[in-house]
Amino acid sequence: MELSLVLSAFDTLSIAPPPQLTLIEAQSLSSAHYPPFPPDLPALLTELDSRQLALQVKQVLLANYPPSHQVQIVSDTHSRMICISELGREDHFSQTTSLFIPAFSLGTSLEAFAEIVAHLRAPDGCPWDQKQTHQTLRKHLLEETYETLAAMDENDSAGMSEEFGDLLLQIVLNSQIASETGQFSMTQVLKGIYDKIVRRHPHVFGDLNLNGVDGVLQNWEKIKEQERSKNGTVEKEKGLLDGVPFSLPALTQALEYQDRAAHVGFDWDQIDGVLDKIREEVEEIKQAETIDEVADELGDLFFALTNLARWRKVDPESALRGTNMKFKKRFSHIEQSAKKQGKNLSDMTLEEMDALWNEAKILGL
């Protein structure tokens, strides 16, 4: 990329080259899926030499910029401003055509976010953030995870966007704390998951041919088994289920156990076997006599129901949480209706409350 081409582009734009700028040949974006530069810094794409390339560049840019973000096409001695969504509508491109992308909003890159989190931990930062450790942040990570799941259950786009941000804060803050003690850095976190994704997807980033989702999952378990063997001695080698955290909610943990076992062939051949197992567990609950026996059989039933959810492609944790929310809404309707009638719930009959429950169902609650 010639410096003269860059200087010429900014002469045409009648602005000075910014102190920070990403320079990249447009052709390098043609096979990309995501812009390889931070959006809160300006960028100059050079050699935008065809309408087809412009359309390819537009699709990549839209992964990180809003369609209304204004950019400037620079050709020889003139430039014109358009929205990214308009890029490629006209066919006026040549080897000397460039695309100047002004910086998007401040704080829209991972680097900018990592900077403000590091500032919070700095001597001139926030006293609360300065005192945090991995252990003190554990409960916040758990809370943010459940709040994120709640937004996902509600299919609340705005809520998901906000909660994903809160969840990201926990990841970056914990990484910053680790970097201060030399344990690991955010870069290592990113590099670790990057390498893992590439390693575990040889059918995408390599030349391995796999048969559908089942083939992918079976190969996934083989790769993880190889990783476990490579990373530990015989005495320390973990089993297939050892990587499932004990702190997971019980339904989620059961689902993960069953998924992992199924990937290596430990599963029913047909869903009829699952349904028969549920009927068997219900009968055993009926025959249970002591509290311990009932608890044991209920656990078996929950496990069998989780297996049914897995076969039906339903997340049991989300399904139960959805039912919990539905119960809460309908019971709240009973409370509010009773209050309007000047009654206490404890004074109402079951038939009266059941009528209000059915009323809530009719209202779609």
Protein backbone atom coordinates (compact mmCIF):
# COMPACT_ATOMS: atom_id res chain seq x y z
CA MET A 1 0.00 0.00 0.00
CA GLU A 2 1.66 3.22 -1.14
CA LEU A 3 1.86 6.15 1.27
CA SER A 4 1.14 8.52 -1.61
CA LEU A 5 -2.23 6.84 -2.15
CA VAL A 6 -3.16 7.38 1.50
CA LEU A 7 -2.03 11.02 1.50
CA SER A 8 -3.87 11.64 -1.75
CA ALA A 9 -7.09 10.25 -0.25
CA PHE A 10 -6.93 12.65 2.69
CA ASP A 11 -6.07 15.56 0.39
CA THR A 12 -9.25 14.80 -1.51
CA LEU A 13 -11.18 14.59 1.76
CA SER A 14 -9.64 17.95 2.79
CA ILE A 15 -8.79 16.62 6.24
CA ALA A 16 -5.53 15.77 7.94
CA PRO A 17 -4.72 12.09 8.39
CA PRO A 18 -5.96 11.15 11.89
CA PRO A 19 -3.35 10.25 14.54
CA GLN A 20 -4.80 6.74 14.75
CA LEU A 21 -5.96 5.04 11.58
CA THR A 22 -6.52 1.51 10.31
CA LEU A 23 -5.17 1.02 6.77
CA ILE A 24 -6.40 -2.07 4.97
CA GLU A 25 -6.81 -3.23 1.38
CA ALA A 26 -10.48 -3.72 0.57
CA GLN A 27 -9.76 -7.08 -1.05
CA SER A 28 -8.69 -8.50 2.31
CA LEU A 29 -12.28 -8.07 3.53
CA SER A 30 -13.85 -9.96 0.64
CA SER A 31 -13.74 -13.33 2.44
CA ALA A 32 -14.07 -11.99 6.00
CA HIS A 33 -17.17 -12.29 8.18
CA TYR A 34 -16.36 -9.52 10.67
CA PRO A 35 -14.31 -6.30 10.34
CA PRO A 36 -10.75 -6.93 11.63
CA PHE A 37 -10.40 -3.46 13.14
CA PRO A 38 -11.98 -1.55 16.06
CA PRO A 39 -15.01 0.57 15.08
CA ASP A 40 -14.13 3.44 17.42
CA LEU A 41 -11.08 4.28 15.28
CA PRO A 42 -11.23 5.59 11.69
CA ALA A 43 -10.30 3.26 8.86
CA LEU A 44 -9.26 3.67 5.24
CA LEU A 45 -9.96 0.85 2.80
CA THR A 46 -7.92 1.14 -0.38
CA GLU A 47 -8.20 -0.36 -3.87
CA LEU A 48 -11.98 -0.67 -3.82
CA ASP A 49 -11.88 -1.48 -7.51
CA SER A 50 -15.29 -3.00 -8.32
CA ARG A 51 -18.97 -2.91 -7.44
CA GLN A 52 -18.84 -6.60 -6.49
CA LEU A 53 -16.03 -5.92 -4.02
CA ALA A 54 -17.96 -2.95 -2.63
CA LEU A 55 -20.98 -5.18 -1.99
CA GLN A 56 -18.79 -7.76 -0.23
CA VAL A 57 -17.18 -5.04 1.90
CA LYS A 58 -20.62 -3.69 2.81
CA GLN A 59 -21.77 -7.05 4.18
CA VAL A 60 -18.68 -7.31 6.35
CA LEU A 61 -19.01 -3.74 7.66
CA LEU A 62 -22.69 -4.23 8.53
CA ALA A 63 -21.62 -6.87 11.05
CA ASN A 64 -20.16 -4.07 13.19
CA TYR A 65 -21.65 -0.77 11.99
CA PRO A 66 -25.26 0.42 11.70
CA PRO A 67 -26.56 0.74 8.13
CA SER A 68 -26.88 4.51 8.63
CA HIS A 69 -23.20 5.03 9.50
CA GLN A 70 -21.82 7.52 6.98
CA VAL A 71 -18.68 6.75 4.99
CA GLN A 72 -16.90 8.53 2.17
CA ILE A 73 -15.95 7.10 -1.21
CA VAL A 74 -12.77 8.73 -2.46
CA SER A 75 -11.98 8.58 -6.19
CA ASP A 76 -9.13 10.54 -7.71
CA THR A 77 -9.91 14.20 -6.97
CA HIS A 78 -13.43 13.98 -5.59
CA SER A 79 -15.31 12.27 -2.76
CA ARG A 80 -18.92 11.64 -1.85
CA MET A 81 -20.59 10.73 1.42
CA ILE A 82 -23.05 7.86 1.63
CA CYS A 83 -24.50 5.51 4.23
CA ILE A 84 -22.94 2.06 4.47
CA SER A 85 -26.26 0.61 3.33
CA GLU A 86 -25.86 2.46 0.01
CA LEU A 87 -22.40 1.09 -0.72
CA GLY A 88 -22.29 -0.78 -4.03
CA ARG A 89 -25.47 0.68 -5.52
CA GLU A 90 -23.45 2.50 -8.18
CA ASP A 91 -20.63 1.22 -10.35
CA HIS A 92 -17.96 3.92 -10.18
CA PHE A 93 -14.91 2.13 -8.84
CA SER A 94 -11.28 1.85 -9.92
CA GLN A 95 -7.89 0.79 -8.57
CA THR A 96 -7.51 4.23 -6.97
CA THR A 97 -10.90 4.23 -5.21
CA SER A 98 -10.75 4.25 -1.39
CA LEU A 99 -13.37 4.10 1.33
CA PHE A 100 -12.92 6.27 4.42
CA ILE A 101 -14.83 5.01 7.46
CA PRO A 102 -15.04 7.62 10.24
CA ALA A 103 -14.84 6.38 13.80
CA PHE A 104 -18.07 5.09 15.25
CA SER A 105 -19.15 5.97 18.80
CA LEU A 106 -16.56 6.06 21.56
CA GLY A 107 -16.49 2.84 23.56
CA THR A 108 -17.61 0.47 20.81
CA SER A 109 -14.47 -1.69 20.81
CA LEU A 110 -13.27 -4.38 23.18
CA GLU A 111 -10.02 -2.41 23.62
CA ALA A 112 -11.90 0.69 24.78
CA PHE A 113 -13.97 -1.39 27.19
CA ALA A 114 -10.89 -3.12 28.60
CA GLU A 115 -9.33 0.33 29.12
CA ILE A 116 -12.17 1.68 31.25
CA VAL A 117 -12.27 -1.52 33.31
CA ALA A 118 -8.52 -1.24 33.89
CA HIS A 119 -9.09 2.40 34.89
CA LEU A 120 -11.62 1.30 37.49
CA ARG A 121 -8.91 -0.87 39.04
CA ALA A 122 -6.19 1.81 38.81
CA PRO A 123 -5.09 3.97 41.78
CA ASP A 124 -7.32 6.81 40.51
CA GLY A 125 -10.22 4.43 39.89
CA CYS A 126 -13.20 3.22 41.93
CA PRO A 127 -12.65 2.07 45.54
CA TRP A 128 -15.26 -0.68 45.16
CA ASP A 129 -13.72 -2.13 41.99
CA GLN A 130 -10.23 -1.89 43.49
CA LYS A 131 -11.22 -4.20 46.34
CA GLN A 132 -12.78 -6.93 44.24
CA THR A 133 -11.29 -10.42 43.85
CA HIS A 134 -12.31 -13.47 41.86
CA GLN A 135 -14.06 -14.77 44.98
CA THR A 136 -16.02 -11.58 45.71
CA LEU A 137 -17.12 -11.33 42.08
CA ARG A 138 -18.38 -14.89 41.95
CA LYS A 139 -21.86 -14.04 43.17
CA HIS A 140 -22.10 -11.13 40.75
CA LEU A 141 -21.16 -13.40 37.83
CA LEU A 142 -23.87 -15.83 38.89
CA GLU A 143 -26.47 -13.07 39.27
CA GLU A 144 -25.65 -11.57 35.89
CA THR A 145 -25.85 -15.01 34.28
CA TYR A 146 -29.35 -15.60 35.60
CA GLU A 147 -30.47 -12.09 34.62
CA THR A 148 -29.17 -12.78 31.12
CA LEU A 149 -31.07 -16.05 30.98
CA ALA A 150 -34.24 -14.27 32.13
CA ALA A 151 -33.92 -11.77 29.28
CA MET A 152 -33.36 -14.65 26.84
CA ASP A 153 -36.42 -16.47 28.18
CA GLU A 154 -38.49 -13.33 27.60
CA ASN A 155 -36.97 -12.95 24.11
CA ASP A 156 -36.29 -9.36 25.17
CA SER A 157 -33.80 -7.98 22.63
CA ALA A 158 -33.09 -4.76 24.52
CA GLY A 159 -32.78 -6.69 27.76
CA MET A 160 -30.43 -9.25 26.22
CA SER A 161 -28.20 -6.49 24.84
CA GLU A 162 -27.94 -4.89 28.27
CA GLU A 163 -27.44 -8.15 30.16
CA PHE A 164 -24.79 -9.41 27.73
CA GLY A 165 -22.92 -6.19 28.50
CA ASP A 166 -23.19 -6.79 32.23
CA LEU A 167 -21.96 -10.34 31.71
CA LEU A 168 -19.06 -9.11 29.59
CA LEU A 169 -18.08 -6.73 32.40
CA GLN A 170 -17.65 -9.69 34.74
CA ILE A 171 -15.38 -11.46 32.24
CA VAL A 172 -13.22 -8.41 31.53
CA LEU A 173 -13.03 -7.38 35.21
CA ASN A 174 -11.93 -10.86 36.29
CA SER A 175 -9.37 -10.91 33.48
CA GLN A 176 -8.04 -7.52 34.59
CA ILE A 177 -7.66 -8.75 38.16
CA ALA A 178 -5.77 -11.81 36.91
CA SER A 179 -3.46 -9.69 34.76
CA GLU A 180 -2.48 -7.57 37.76
CA THR A 181 -1.13 -10.65 39.55
CA GLY A 182 0.45 -12.19 36.46
CA GLN A 183 -2.02 -15.10 36.26
CA PHE A 184 -3.39 -14.40 32.79
CA SER A 185 -4.55 -11.50 30.65
CA MET A 186 -7.56 -10.71 28.50
CA THR A 187 -5.39 -11.46 25.49
CA GLN A 188 -4.74 -14.97 26.81
CA VAL A 189 -8.45 -15.48 27.42
CA LEU A 190 -9.23 -14.51 23.83
CA LYS A 191 -6.34 -16.51 22.40
CA GLY A 192 -7.33 -19.57 24.41
CA ILE A 193 -10.92 -19.64 23.20
CA TYR A 194 -9.84 -18.73 19.66
CA ASP A 195 -7.47 -21.70 19.49
CA LYS A 196 -10.04 -24.00 21.09
CA ILE A 197 -12.71 -23.09 18.53
CA VAL A 198 -10.31 -23.69 15.64
CA ARG A 199 -9.08 -26.95 17.16
CA ARG A 200 -12.58 -28.27 17.81
CA HIS A 201 -13.95 -27.34 14.39
CA PRO A 202 -11.70 -29.18 11.91
CA HIS A 203 -14.74 -29.53 9.66
CA VAL A 204 -14.82 -25.71 9.33
CA PHE A 205 -11.18 -24.67 9.59
CA GLY A 206 -9.65 -27.91 8.27
CA ASP A 207 -10.42 -30.58 5.72
CA LEU A 208 -12.37 -33.04 7.88
CA ASN A 209 -15.75 -34.16 6.51
CA LEU A 210 -18.46 -34.87 9.09
CA ASN A 211 -22.04 -36.07 8.75
CA GLY A 212 -24.43 -33.46 10.16
CA VAL A 213 -24.83 -32.27 13.73
CA ASP A 214 -24.50 -35.77 15.23
CA GLY A 215 -21.17 -36.26 13.48
CA VAL A 216 -19.97 -32.88 14.74
CA LEU A 217 -20.92 -33.66 18.35
CA GLN A 218 -19.33 -37.13 18.28
CA ASN A 219 -16.11 -35.69 16.88
CA TRP A 220 -16.28 -32.90 19.49
CA GLU A 221 -16.21 -35.47 22.29
CA LYS A 222 -13.32 -37.33 20.64
CA ILE A 223 -11.31 -34.12 20.48
CA LYS A 224 -12.06 -33.28 24.12
CA GLU A 225 -11.07 -36.80 25.14
CA GLN A 226 -7.74 -36.34 23.33
CA GLU A 227 -7.27 -33.00 25.09
CA ARG A 228 -7.88 -34.56 28.49
CA SER A 229 -5.33 -37.28 27.78
CA LYS A 230 -2.78 -34.75 26.57
CA ASN A 231 -3.19 -32.31 29.47
CA GLY A 232 -2.91 -34.75 32.39
CA THR A 233 -1.21 -37.88 33.64
CA VAL A 234 -3.09 -41.15 33.98
CA GLU A 235 -3.72 -40.41 37.67
CA LYS A 236 -5.02 -36.90 36.99
CA GLU A 237 -6.89 -37.64 33.77
CA LYS A 238 -10.50 -36.53 33.95
CA GLY A 239 -13.43 -38.66 32.91
CA LEU A 240 -16.05 -37.66 30.38
CA LEU A 241 -18.36 -36.15 33.00
CA ASP A 242 -15.73 -34.62 35.28
CA GLY A 243 -15.70 -31.33 33.39
CA VAL A 244 -19.32 -30.57 34.24
CA PRO A 245 -19.33 -28.02 37.10
CA PHE A 246 -20.97 -29.12 40.33
CA SER A 247 -22.30 -25.59 40.76
CA LEU A 248 -24.61 -25.86 37.74
CA PRO A 249 -28.36 -25.94 38.39
CA ALA A 250 -29.39 -29.56 38.79
CA LEU A 251 -31.48 -29.74 35.61
CA THR A 252 -28.73 -28.18 33.53
CA GLN A 253 -26.17 -30.51 35.08
CA ALA A 254 -28.34 -33.55 34.34
CA LEU A 255 -28.80 -32.41 30.74
CA GLU A 256 -25.05 -31.96 30.30
CA TYR A 257 -24.34 -35.41 31.77
CA GLN A 258 -26.86 -36.99 29.41
CA ASP A 259 -25.58 -35.05 26.38
CA ARG A 260 -22.00 -36.11 26.98
CA ALA A 261 -22.93 -39.74 27.54
CA ALA A 262 -25.13 -39.75 24.43
CA HIS A 263 -22.30 -38.42 22.27
CA VAL A 264 -20.36 -41.63 22.88
CA GLY A 265 -23.40 -43.87 22.30
CA PHE A 266 -24.80 -44.30 25.84
CA ASP A 267 -28.41 -43.49 25.01
CA TRP A 268 -31.80 -45.02 24.19
CA ASP A 269 -32.31 -46.10 20.58
CA GLN A 270 -35.83 -44.63 20.51
CA ILE A 271 -37.76 -42.11 22.58
CA ASP A 272 -40.11 -44.93 23.65
CA GLY A 273 -37.39 -46.10 26.02
CA VAL A 274 -37.35 -42.68 27.66
CA LEU A 275 -41.14 -42.64 28.06
CA ASP A 276 -41.12 -46.14 29.54
CA LYS A 277 -38.46 -45.04 32.02
CA ILE A 278 -40.63 -42.12 33.14
CA ARG A 279 -43.60 -44.44 33.72
CA GLU A 280 -41.33 -46.79 35.67
CA GLU A 281 -40.12 -43.96 37.90
CA VAL A 282 -43.67 -42.75 38.57
CA GLU A 283 -44.64 -46.24 39.73
CA GLU A 284 -41.60 -46.43 41.99
CA ILE A 285 -42.58 -43.09 43.57
CA LYS A 286 -46.00 -44.53 44.34
CA GLN A 287 -44.34 -47.47 46.09
CA ALA A 288 -41.81 -45.39 48.04
CA GLU A 289 -42.48 -45.34 51.77
CA THR A 290 -39.82 -43.26 53.54
CA ILE A 291 -38.81 -39.66 52.85
CA ASP A 292 -35.40 -40.84 51.68
CA GLU A 293 -36.98 -43.28 49.24
CA VAL A 294 -39.33 -40.60 47.89
CA ALA A 295 -36.44 -38.15 47.46
CA ASP A 296 -34.40 -40.78 45.67
CA GLU A 297 -37.22 -41.73 43.31
CA LEU A 298 -38.14 -38.09 42.64
CA GLY A 299 -34.52 -37.46 41.67
CA ASP A 300 -34.71 -40.39 39.24
CA LEU A 301 -37.96 -38.99 37.81
CA PHE A 302 -36.46 -35.51 37.35
CA PHE A 303 -33.49 -37.10 35.62
CA ALA A 304 -35.78 -39.11 33.33
CA LEU A 305 -37.87 -36.01 32.53
CA THR A 306 -34.68 -34.14 31.70
CA ASN A 307 -33.83 -36.92 29.28
CA LEU A 308 -37.25 -36.54 27.66
CA ALA A 309 -36.61 -32.80 27.31
CA ARG A 310 -33.28 -33.58 25.65
CA TRP A 311 -34.92 -35.94 23.18
CA ARG A 312 -37.54 -33.29 22.40
CA LYS A 313 -34.81 -30.63 21.91
CA VAL A 314 -36.06 -28.58 24.88
CA ASP A 315 -33.82 -27.03 27.52
CA PRO A 316 -35.34 -28.30 30.80
CA GLU A 317 -33.99 -25.42 32.88
CA SER A 318 -35.57 -22.86 30.54
CA ALA A 319 -38.80 -24.85 30.37
CA LEU A 320 -39.15 -24.97 34.17
CA ARG A 321 -38.17 -21.32 34.50
CA GLY A 322 -40.85 -20.46 31.95
CA THR A 323 -43.43 -22.38 33.94
CA ASN A 324 -42.26 -20.63 37.12
CA MET A 325 -42.78 -17.24 35.50
CA LYS A 326 -46.19 -18.31 34.22
CA PHE A 327 -47.18 -19.48 37.70
CA LYS A 328 -45.99 -16.18 39.20
CA LYS A 329 -48.05 -14.11 36.74
CA ARG A 330 -51.20 -16.14 37.28
CA PHE A 331 -50.84 -16.19 41.06
CA SER A 332 -50.25 -12.43 41.02
CA HIS A 333 -53.55 -12.10 39.15
CA ILE A 334 -55.25 -14.03 41.96
CA GLU A 335 -53.68 -11.72 44.57
CA GLN A 336 -54.62 -8.54 42.71
CA SER A 337 -58.18 -9.75 42.05
CA ALA A 338 -58.64 -10.69 45.70
CA LYS A 339 -57.39 -7.26 46.75
CA LYS A 340 -59.91 -5.56 44.45
CA GLN A 341 -62.63 -7.64 46.10
CA GLY A 342 -61.43 -6.59 49.54
CA LYS A 343 -60.45 -10.16 50.45
CA ASN A 344 -57.37 -11.80 51.88
CA LEU A 345 -56.06 -14.87 50.10
CA SER A 346 -56.25 -16.83 53.32
CA ASP A 347 -59.99 -16.10 53.47
CA MET A 348 -60.70 -17.36 49.94
CA THR A 349 -61.72 -20.90 49.13
CA LEU A 350 -59.71 -23.06 46.76
CA GLU A 351 -62.63 -22.93 44.31
CA GLU A 352 -62.56 -19.10 44.31
CA MET A 353 -58.83 -19.01 43.73
CA ASP A 354 -59.09 -21.66 41.03
CA ALA A 355 -61.72 -19.59 39.22
CA LEU A 356 -59.36 -16.61 39.22
CA TRP A 357 -56.55 -18.88 38.03
CA ASN A 358 -58.67 -19.94 35.05
CA GLU A 359 -59.49 -16.29 34.45
CA ALA A 360 -55.74 -15.54 34.28
CA LYS A 361 -55.35 -18.32 31.70
CA ILE A 362 -58.12 -16.83 29.56
CA LEU A 363 -56.33 -13.46 29.76
CA GLY A 364 -53.23 -15.13 28.39
CA LEU A 365 -51.17 -14.82 31.57
